[in-house]
Structure formats: C-alpha cells, structure tokens
C-alpha atoms as a PDB file:
ATOM      1  CA  MET A   1      -6.276  67.838 -19.723  1.00  0.00           C
ATOM      2  CA  THR A   2      -6.618  64.123 -20.419  1.00  0.00           C
ATOM      3  CA  ASP A   3      -9.509  63.572 -17.941  1.00  0.00           C
ATOM      4  CA  LEU A   4     -13.097  63.985 -19.083  1.00  0.00           C
ATOM      5  CA  TYR A   5     -15.619  66.265 -17.390  1.00  0.00           C
ATOM      6  CA  PRO A   6     -19.216  65.346 -18.356  1.00  0.00           C
ATOM      7  CA  VAL A   7     -20.850  67.942 -16.095  1.00  0.00           C
ATOM      8  CA  THR A   8     -18.821  70.729 -17.666  1.00  0.00           C
ATOM      9  CA  ALA A   9     -19.636  69.307 -21.088  1.00  0.00           C
ATOM     10  CA  VAL A  10     -23.371  69.578 -20.391  1.00  0.00           C
ATOM     11  CA  ALA A  11     -23.103  73.130 -19.047  1.00  0.00           C
ATOM     12  CA  ALA A  12     -20.874  74.275 -21.908  1.00  0.00           C
ATOM     13  CA  GLY A  13     -23.094  72.519 -24.442  1.00  0.00           C
ATOM     14  CA  VAL A  14     -26.217  74.288 -23.175  1.00  0.00           C
ATOM     15  CA  ALA A  15     -24.415  77.632 -23.328  1.00  0.00           C
ATOM     16  CA  GLY A  16     -23.278  76.746 -26.845  1.00  0.00           C
ATOM     17  CA  LEU A  17     -26.820  75.931 -27.943  1.00  0.00           C
ATOM     18  CA  VAL A  18     -28.008  79.328 -26.734  1.00  0.00           C
ATOM     19  CA  ALA A  19     -25.117  81.063 -28.474  1.00  0.00           C
ATOM     20  CA  GLY A  20     -25.750  79.058 -31.658  1.00  0.00           C
ATOM     21  CA  VAL A  21     -29.274  80.454 -31.876  1.00  0.00           C
ATOM     22  CA  LEU A  22     -27.732  83.933 -32.009  1.00  0.00           C
ATOM     23  CA  VAL A  23     -25.144  83.144 -34.690  1.00  0.00           C
ATOM     24  CA  PRO A  24     -27.415  84.173 -37.625  1.00  0.00           C
ATOM     25  CA  ARG A  25     -27.951  87.535 -35.900  1.00  0.00           C
ATOM     26  CA  LEU A  26     -24.203  87.883 -35.536  1.00  0.00           C
ATOM     27  CA  ILE A  27     -23.786  87.222 -39.254  1.00  0.00           C
ATOM     28  CA  ALA A  28     -26.468  89.790 -40.113  1.00  0.00           C
ATOM     29  CA  TRP A  29     -24.703  92.351 -37.887  1.00  0.00           C
ATOM     30  CA  VAL A  30     -21.507  92.265 -39.969  1.00  0.00           C
ATOM     31  CA  PRO A  31     -21.406  95.246 -42.358  1.00  0.00           C
ATOM     32  CA  GLU A  32     -20.953  94.543 -46.022  1.00  0.00           C
ATOM     33  CA  PRO A  33     -17.461  95.214 -47.437  1.00  0.00           C
ATOM     34  CA  ASP A  34     -16.930  97.765 -50.172  1.00  0.00           C
ATOM     35  CA  GLU A  35     -17.793  96.099 -53.455  1.00  0.00           C
ATOM     36  CA  PRO A  36     -14.799  95.862 -55.830  1.00  0.00           C
ATOM     37  CA  ASP A  37     -15.202  96.068 -59.573  1.00  0.00           C
ATOM     38  CA  PRO A  38     -16.447  92.773 -61.016  1.00  0.00           C
ATOM     39  CA  GLU A  39     -13.608  90.470 -61.983  1.00  0.00           C
ATOM     40  CA  GLU A  40     -13.531  87.894 -64.698  1.00  0.00           C
ATOM     41  CA  LYS A  41     -12.447  84.344 -64.165  1.00  0.00           C
ATOM     42  CA  ASP A  42     -11.843  82.068 -67.112  1.00  0.00           C
ATOM     43  CA  GLY A  43     -13.455  84.632 -69.371  1.00  0.00           C
ATOM     44  CA  GLU A  44     -16.664  84.902 -67.342  1.00  0.00           C
ATOM     45  CA  PRO A  45     -17.545  87.513 -64.714  1.00  0.00           C
ATOM     46  CA  GLU A  46     -17.540  86.231 -61.169  1.00  0.00           C
ATOM     47  CA  GLU A  47     -20.875  86.022 -59.418  1.00  0.00           C
ATOM     48  CA  PRO A  48     -21.564  88.877 -56.967  1.00  0.00           C
ATOM     49  CA  LYS A  49     -20.847  88.135 -53.339  1.00  0.00           C
ATOM     50  CA  GLU A  50     -23.766  86.888 -51.291  1.00  0.00           C
ATOM     51  CA  LEU A  51     -24.918  89.505 -48.798  1.00  0.00           C
ATOM     52  CA  TYR A  52     -24.417  88.739 -45.125  1.00  0.00           C
ATOM     53  CA  ALA A  53     -28.042  89.609 -44.434  1.00  0.00           C
ATOM     54  CA  ASP A  54     -29.120  87.081 -47.059  1.00  0.00           C
ATOM     55  CA  ILE A  55     -26.864  84.429 -45.533  1.00  0.00           C
ATOM     56  CA  ALA A  56     -28.330  85.091 -42.089  1.00  0.00           C
ATOM     57  CA  ALA A  57     -31.852  84.802 -43.492  1.00  0.00           C
ATOM     58  CA  ARG A  58     -31.273  81.461 -45.210  1.00  0.00           C
ATOM     59  CA  PRO A  59     -33.980  78.962 -44.216  1.00  0.00           C
ATOM     60  CA  GLY A  60     -32.721  76.394 -41.782  1.00  0.00           C
ATOM     61  CA  LEU A  61     -29.435  78.156 -40.983  1.00  0.00           C
ATOM     62  CA  ILE A  62     -30.274  78.288 -37.298  1.00  0.00           C
ATOM     63  CA  TRP A  63     -30.713  74.506 -37.304  1.00  0.00           C
ATOM     64  CA  LEU A  64     -27.124  74.193 -38.466  1.00  0.00           C
ATOM     65  CA  THR A  65     -25.469  76.835 -36.308  1.00  0.00           C
ATOM     66  CA  THR A  66     -27.212  75.785 -33.091  1.00  0.00           C
ATOM     67  CA  PRO A  67     -26.048  72.142 -32.979  1.00  0.00           C
ATOM     68  CA  ALA A  68     -22.635  73.044 -34.415  1.00  0.00           C
ATOM     69  CA  THR A  69     -22.028  75.588 -31.660  1.00  0.00           C
ATOM     70  CA  GLY A  70     -23.534  73.395 -28.964  1.00  0.00           C
ATOM     71  CA  MET A  71     -21.566  70.270 -29.856  1.00  0.00           C
ATOM     72  CA  SER A  72     -18.312  72.196 -30.240  1.00  0.00           C
ATOM     73  CA  ALA A  73     -18.776  73.873 -26.863  1.00  0.00           C
ATOM     74  CA  ALA A  74     -19.697  70.551 -25.243  1.00  0.00           C
ATOM     75  CA  ALA A  75     -16.582  68.862 -26.637  1.00  0.00           C
ATOM     76  CA  ILE A  76     -14.415  71.673 -25.283  1.00  0.00           C
ATOM     77  CA  GLY A  77     -16.086  71.509 -21.873  1.00  0.00           C
ATOM     78  CA  LEU A  78     -15.661  67.742 -21.804  1.00  0.00           C
ATOM     79  CA  VAL A  79     -11.890  68.073 -22.211  1.00  0.00           C
ATOM     80  CA  LEU A  80     -11.105  71.277 -20.294  1.00  0.00           C
ATOM     81  CA  GLY A  81     -13.439  70.931 -17.329  1.00  0.00           C
ATOM     82  CA  TRP A  82     -13.994  73.849 -14.948  1.00  0.00           C
ATOM     83  CA  HIS A  83     -10.756  75.504 -15.947  1.00  0.00           C
ATOM     84  CA  VAL A  84      -9.955  79.175 -16.506  1.00  0.00           C
ATOM     85  CA  SER A  85      -9.025  78.266 -20.092  1.00  0.00           C
ATOM     86  CA  LEU A  86     -12.762  78.018 -20.798  1.00  0.00           C
ATOM     87  CA  LEU A  87     -12.764  81.824 -20.581  1.00  0.00           C
ATOM     88  CA  VAL A  88     -10.397  81.906 -23.534  1.00  0.00           C
ATOM     89  CA  VAL A  89     -11.850  79.216 -25.764  1.00  0.00           C
ATOM     90  CA  LEU A  90     -15.637  79.168 -25.291  1.00  0.00           C
ATOM     91  CA  PRO A  91     -16.335  82.767 -26.431  1.00  0.00           C
ATOM     92  CA  LEU A  92     -14.599  81.963 -29.715  1.00  0.00           C
ATOM     93  CA  VAL A  93     -16.971  79.105 -30.553  1.00  0.00           C
ATOM     94  CA  PRO A  94     -20.000  81.108 -31.823  1.00  0.00           C
ATOM     95  CA  VAL A  95     -17.661  83.576 -33.535  1.00  0.00           C
ATOM     96  CA  GLY A  96     -15.884  80.675 -35.222  1.00  0.00           C
ATOM     97  CA  VAL A  97     -19.164  79.159 -36.411  1.00  0.00           C
ATOM     98  CA  ALA A  98     -20.238  82.530 -37.834  1.00  0.00           C
ATOM     99  CA  LEU A  99     -16.885  82.953 -39.598  1.00  0.00           C
ATOM    100  CA  ALA A 100     -17.074  79.427 -41.015  1.00  0.00           C
ATOM    101  CA  VAL A 101     -20.547  80.060 -42.455  1.00  0.00           C
ATOM    102  CA  ILE A 102     -19.547  83.413 -43.940  1.00  0.00           C
ATOM    103  CA  ASP A 103     -16.313  82.109 -45.433  1.00  0.00           C
ATOM    104  CA  TRP A 104     -18.039  79.064 -46.893  1.00  0.00           C
ATOM    105  CA  ARG A 105     -20.640  81.235 -48.632  1.00  0.00           C
ATOM    106  CA  THR A 106     -18.470  84.192 -49.660  1.00  0.00           C
ATOM    107  CA  ARG A 107     -14.789  83.175 -49.392  1.00  0.00           C
ATOM    108  CA  LEU A 108     -14.316  86.166 -47.111  1.00  0.00           C
ATOM    109  CA  LEU A 109     -13.384  86.391 -43.444  1.00  0.00           C
ATOM    110  CA  PRO A 110     -14.605  89.826 -42.367  1.00  0.00           C
ATOM    111  CA  THR A 111     -12.246  91.900 -40.265  1.00  0.00           C
ATOM    112  CA  ARG A 112     -15.295  93.243 -38.419  1.00  0.00           C
ATOM    113  CA  LEU A 113     -15.534  89.839 -36.721  1.00  0.00           C
ATOM    114  CA  ILE A 114     -11.883  88.864 -36.555  1.00  0.00           C
ATOM    115  CA  ALA A 115     -10.666  92.146 -35.003  1.00  0.00           C
ATOM    116  CA  PRO A 116     -13.016  91.893 -31.986  1.00  0.00           C
ATOM    117  CA  ALA A 117     -12.075  88.217 -31.680  1.00  0.00           C
ATOM    118  CA  TYR A 118      -8.421  89.268 -31.467  1.00  0.00           C
ATOM    119  CA  ALA A 119      -9.167  91.792 -28.732  1.00  0.00           C
ATOM    120  CA  LEU A 120     -11.426  89.368 -26.863  1.00  0.00           C
ATOM    121  CA  THR A 121      -8.797  86.626 -26.941  1.00  0.00           C
ATOM    122  CA  VAL A 122      -6.066  88.908 -25.618  1.00  0.00           C
ATOM    123  CA  VAL A 123      -8.333  90.116 -22.788  1.00  0.00           C
ATOM    124  CA  THR A 124      -9.480  86.621 -21.821  1.00  0.00           C
ATOM    125  CA  VAL A 125      -5.919  85.276 -21.893  1.00  0.00           C
ATOM    126  CA  LEU A 126      -4.814  88.010 -19.510  1.00  0.00           C
ATOM    127  CA  LEU A 127      -7.869  87.403 -17.321  1.00  0.00           C
ATOM    128  CA  ALA A 128      -7.213  83.662 -17.239  1.00  0.00           C
ATOM    129  CA  PHE A 129      -3.584  84.367 -16.367  1.00  0.00           C
ATOM    130  CA  LEU A 130      -4.601  86.563 -13.438  1.00  0.00           C
ATOM    131  CA  LEU A 131      -7.296  84.176 -12.166  1.00  0.00           C
ATOM    132  CA  GLY A 132      -5.437  80.911 -12.645  1.00  0.00           C
ATOM    133  CA  ASP A 133      -2.285  79.438 -11.195  1.00  0.00           C
ATOM    134  CA  ARG A 134      -0.187  80.181 -14.250  1.00  0.00           C
ATOM    135  CA  ASP A 135       3.246  81.710 -14.822  1.00  0.00           C
ATOM    136  CA  LEU A 136       4.896  83.904 -17.424  1.00  0.00           C
ATOM    137  CA  HIS A 137       5.841  80.862 -19.501  1.00  0.00           C
ATOM    138  CA  ASP A 138       2.153  80.481 -20.374  1.00  0.00           C
ATOM    139  CA  LEU A 139       2.029  84.025 -21.730  1.00  0.00           C
ATOM    140  CA  GLU A 140       5.278  83.443 -23.611  1.00  0.00           C
ATOM    141  CA  ARG A 141       3.836  80.293 -25.183  1.00  0.00           C
ATOM    142  CA  THR A 142       0.674  82.194 -26.116  1.00  0.00           C
ATOM    143  CA  ALA A 143       2.726  84.863 -27.885  1.00  0.00           C
ATOM    144  CA  LEU A 144       4.780  82.190 -29.634  1.00  0.00           C
ATOM    145  CA  GLY A 145       1.590  80.453 -30.715  1.00  0.00           C
ATOM    146  CA  TRP A 146       0.459  83.688 -32.345  1.00  0.00           C
ATOM    147  CA  LEU A 147       3.863  84.117 -33.967  1.00  0.00           C
ATOM    148  CA  VAL A 148       4.107  80.536 -35.233  1.00  0.00           C
ATOM    149  CA  TYR A 149       0.596  80.157 -36.638  1.00  0.00           C
ATOM    150  CA  GLY A 150       0.194  83.737 -37.807  1.00  0.00           C
ATOM    151  CA  GLY A 151       3.743  83.929 -39.153  1.00  0.00           C
ATOM    152  CA  MET A 152       3.365  80.683 -41.081  1.00  0.00           C
ATOM    153  CA  PHE A 153       0.203  81.844 -42.810  1.00  0.00           C
ATOM    154  CA  PHE A 154       1.663  85.287 -43.493  1.00  0.00           C
ATOM    155  CA  VAL A 155       4.583  83.662 -45.296  1.00  0.00           C
ATOM    156  CA  LEU A 156       2.221  81.419 -47.278  1.00  0.00           C
ATOM    157  CA  TRP A 157       0.090  84.420 -48.208  1.00  0.00           C
ATOM    158  CA  PHE A 158       3.149  86.484 -49.145  1.00  0.00           C
ATOM    159  CA  ILE A 159       4.507  83.731 -51.395  1.00  0.00           C
ATOM    160  CA  TYR A 160       1.207  82.893 -53.092  1.00  0.00           C
ATOM    161  CA  PRO A 161      -1.508  85.469 -52.299  1.00  0.00           C
ATOM    162  CA  ARG A 162      -3.926  83.967 -54.831  1.00  0.00           C
ATOM    163  CA  GLY A 163      -3.992  80.708 -52.915  1.00  0.00           C
ATOM    164  CA  LEU A 164      -4.672  82.187 -49.496  1.00  0.00           C
ATOM    165  CA  GLY A 165      -6.689  85.212 -48.414  1.00  0.00           C
ATOM    166  CA  TYR A 166      -5.376  87.693 -45.888  1.00  0.00           C
ATOM    167  CA  GLY A 167      -8.431  86.950 -43.787  1.00  0.00           C
ATOM    168  CA  ASP A 168      -6.930  83.482 -43.266  1.00  0.00           C
ATOM    169  CA  VAL A 169      -3.759  85.172 -41.995  1.00  0.00           C
ATOM    170  CA  ARG A 170      -5.757  87.227 -39.488  1.00  0.00           C
ATOM    171  CA  LEU A 171      -7.704  84.166 -38.370  1.00  0.00           C
ATOM    172  CA  SER A 172      -4.510  82.159 -37.893  1.00  0.00           C
ATOM    173  CA  GLY A 173      -3.309  84.784 -35.426  1.00  0.00           C
ATOM    174  CA  VAL A 174      -6.432  84.456 -33.290  1.00  0.00           C
ATOM    175  CA  LEU A 175      -6.258  80.674 -33.345  1.00  0.00           C
ATOM    176  CA  GLY A 176      -2.556  80.773 -32.551  1.00  0.00           C
ATOM    177  CA  LEU A 177      -3.218  82.850 -29.436  1.00  0.00           C
ATOM    178  CA  ALA A 178      -5.942  80.525 -28.127  1.00  0.00           C
ATOM    179  CA  LEU A 179      -4.155  77.275 -28.961  1.00  0.00           C
ATOM    180  CA  GLY A 180      -0.852  78.601 -27.694  1.00  0.00           C
ATOM    181  CA  TRP A 181      -2.442  79.449 -24.364  1.00  0.00           C
ATOM    182  CA  LEU A 182      -3.699  75.881 -24.002  1.00  0.00           C
ATOM    183  CA  GLY A 183      -0.368  74.226 -24.784  1.00  0.00           C
ATOM    184  CA  TRP A 184       2.121  73.157 -27.423  1.00  0.00           C
ATOM    185  CA  ALA A 185       0.266  69.920 -28.140  1.00  0.00           C
ATOM    186  CA  GLU A 186      -2.977  71.773 -28.836  1.00  0.00           C
ATOM    187  CA  LEU A 187      -1.148  74.276 -31.030  1.00  0.00           C
ATOM    188  CA  TRP A 188       0.719  71.798 -33.231  1.00  0.00           C
ATOM    189  CA  VAL A 189      -2.196  69.409 -33.602  1.00  0.00           C
ATOM    190  CA  GLY A 190      -4.542  72.329 -34.338  1.00  0.00           C
ATOM    191  CA  ILE A 191      -2.247  73.664 -37.052  1.00  0.00           C
ATOM    192  CA  GLY A 192      -1.626  70.230 -38.544  1.00  0.00           C
ATOM    193  CA  ALA A 193      -5.272  69.214 -38.498  1.00  0.00           C
ATOM    194  CA  GLY A 194      -6.286  72.442 -40.230  1.00  0.00           C
ATOM    195  CA  LEU A 195      -3.698  71.966 -42.970  1.00  0.00           C
ATOM    196  CA  ILE A 196      -4.584  68.311 -43.500  1.00  0.00           C
ATOM    197  CA  LEU A 197      -8.326  68.934 -43.525  1.00  0.00           C
ATOM    198  CA  GLY A 198      -7.936  71.903 -45.834  1.00  0.00           C
ATOM    199  CA  GLY A 199      -5.720  70.030 -48.267  1.00  0.00           C
ATOM    200  CA  LEU A 200      -7.391  66.637 -48.321  1.00  0.00           C
ATOM    201  CA  GLY A 201     -10.939  67.742 -47.532  1.00  0.00           C
ATOM    202  CA  GLY A 202     -10.931  70.555 -50.060  1.00  0.00           C
ATOM    203  CA  GLY A 203      -9.412  68.304 -52.692  1.00  0.00           C
ATOM    204  CA  LEU A 204     -11.966  65.536 -52.155  1.00  0.00           C
ATOM    205  CA  LEU A 205     -14.856  67.979 -52.207  1.00  0.00           C
ATOM    206  CA  SER A 206     -13.561  69.437 -55.462  1.00  0.00           C
ATOM    207  CA  LEU A 207     -13.585  65.947 -56.978  1.00  0.00           C
ATOM    208  CA  VAL A 208     -17.191  65.171 -56.066  1.00  0.00           C
ATOM    209  CA  THR A 209     -18.705  68.606 -56.685  1.00  0.00           C
ATOM    210  CA  ARG A 210     -18.553  71.200 -59.414  1.00  0.00           C
ATOM    211  CA  ARG A 211     -16.980  73.753 -57.134  1.00  0.00           C
ATOM    212  CA  ARG A 212     -13.309  74.115 -57.992  1.00  0.00           C
ATOM    213  CA  ASP A 213     -12.018  75.817 -54.854  1.00  0.00           C
ATOM    214  CA  TYR A 214     -13.023  75.954 -51.237  1.00  0.00           C
ATOM    215  CA  PRO A 215     -12.285  78.495 -48.522  1.00  0.00           C
ATOM    216  CA  PHE A 216      -9.622  77.511 -46.034  1.00  0.00           C
ATOM    217  CA  GLY A 217     -11.117  79.214 -42.979  1.00  0.00           C
ATOM    218  CA  PRO A 218     -13.681  76.526 -42.059  1.00  0.00           C
ATOM    219  CA  PHE A 219     -10.985  73.843 -42.165  1.00  0.00           C
ATOM    220  CA  MET A 220      -8.714  75.965 -39.958  1.00  0.00           C
ATOM    221  CA  LEU A 221     -11.519  76.336 -37.427  1.00  0.00           C
ATOM    222  CA  VAL A 222     -12.328  72.622 -37.385  1.00  0.00           C
ATOM    223  CA  GLY A 223      -8.617  71.897 -37.084  1.00  0.00           C
ATOM    224  CA  ALA A 224      -8.391  74.214 -34.080  1.00  0.00           C
ATOM    225  CA  LEU A 225     -11.266  72.338 -32.437  1.00  0.00           C
ATOM    226  CA  VAL A 226      -9.434  69.065 -33.068  1.00  0.00           C
ATOM    227  CA  GLY A 227      -6.353  70.600 -31.462  1.00  0.00           C
ATOM    228  CA  VAL A 228      -8.286  71.610 -28.345  1.00  0.00           C
ATOM    229  CA  VAL A 229     -10.088  68.293 -27.943  1.00  0.00           C
ATOM    230  CA  ALA A 230      -7.496  65.773 -29.122  1.00  0.00           C
ATOM    231  CA  GLY A 231      -4.185  67.626 -29.094  1.00  0.00           C
ATOM    232  CA  GLN A 232      -2.860  66.489 -25.724  1.00  0.00           C
ATOM    233  CA  PRO A 233      -4.142  62.884 -25.909  1.00  0.00           C
ATOM    234  CA  LEU A 234      -2.770  62.505 -29.435  1.00  0.00           C
ATOM    235  CA  ILE A 235       0.695  63.809 -28.581  1.00  0.00           C
ATOM    236  CA  THR A 236       0.744  61.692 -25.420  1.00  0.00           C
ATOM    237  CA  ALA A 237      -0.209  58.593 -27.414  1.00  0.00           C
ATOM    238  CA  LEU A 238       2.469  59.265 -30.013  1.00  0.00           C
ATOM    239  CA  TYR A 239       5.338  60.292 -27.771  1.00  0.00           C
ATOM    240  CA  GLY A 240       4.355  59.015 -24.329  1.00  0.00           C
END
C-alpha cells in the first residue's frame, strides 16, 4: 500500500464530498439520550448538553463536514487504490466525521451511531474477505486489532472512568477492527497517533483556550486516518 493512486483519490474524494453534505442530516437523525440529573462541577451546575438537532442546524456546519469528509476519503483512496479494503474504510468516513462533531460539541459518542458502525464494519470485513485474495490470517489480525485497541481503552476506562468515556471504548473497538483488517502497521500507528494527538493536542488547546478538557474521540478518529494513510510508509521508513 505504498503506491499512490490519484484516480482512486479523485473518485473517493467526490464520493466523500457527497457523503459530507449528508453528515448534518446524520447528526440530526441521532436520538437524544435520556437526560441525567444536572451535575455540579466546581460548585457550579454543568451546562445542559447541546441537542443533536441544534448541532446539525448550526450555520456553516455543512461547509466543515463536506471538505473534511471529502479530503479524508480522497486521502484514503490515494493510498489504498481500487482495493477491497475501500469497502471497509470508506463507509466509516462520514460516520467518523459525524461522531467527531458530536463528541466535540457534547463530549458524548452516541451508541446509536457506533453500534451500526460496528455491524457495518464486521459485514464489510467479511465481504472484503470473500471478494479479495485474503486468508484467515487477515481475519485473525482483524479480531486481534479489535482486542488490542478495544481492550486497551477498556482497561484505561476501568482504571480511571472519569478520564475516559465508555463511548471512547466502543469507538476504539470499531477502529481496531478497521485498522486491524488493513495491517499491523496501520493499527499501531493509528493507536499511537490517536494517543499522541489526544495528549499533546488536548493539552495545547487547554493552554490557549478557556476550555479545560477536550473529548478524546476526535483525536482517535484523526489518529486512525493517520494510521490508514501513513501507517505502512512510516513503519517501513523506521524499520525498513
């Protein structure tokens, strides 16, 4: 996966642009969670969660989701080419953009989006396995990717649940499946990039803004994209 495929990049990018236009509708489709009792933080009640419908209706949102989805899809197409793995990765792009927007605004990763993403990823992995020239080792690696990424975040959540939401644990499982299917390089770089971006990026943003904490989901998703696009070239450059 070290060659570049500009034609696939264009086709995937166009598909991503179309899907990006629909991301606000996808956000509006997500049902609101049951509202818990208001909690206090540092002696002051927390602000109520922003409604998904209000997020979807924000002026200019479509001008953010469209290029984000299009460029992400184009980058994936550029690296993967006309490969059955596109069936696994591309459908997750608009879902990932929607999850990133929701998590950034609400610090929640709704199960109503993650659960279908789980099912979709399992189905597309099996379809790619049947259509492509792959063997059982690819399915084993996919399962191990789910176990490694999902298990790591489950342990982190179990040790310190206030520092990590269970939605992040669910999301890590989906990303582990997709990255594991692509390869070990994509998996390890995707995990590492998400952790580094979440730690350093969140810390830097906290220093320059008044917001004290940032959701981890968007950084995990960007890290996964880095793993897909740069995972193999980076590992090859480091280890030959």
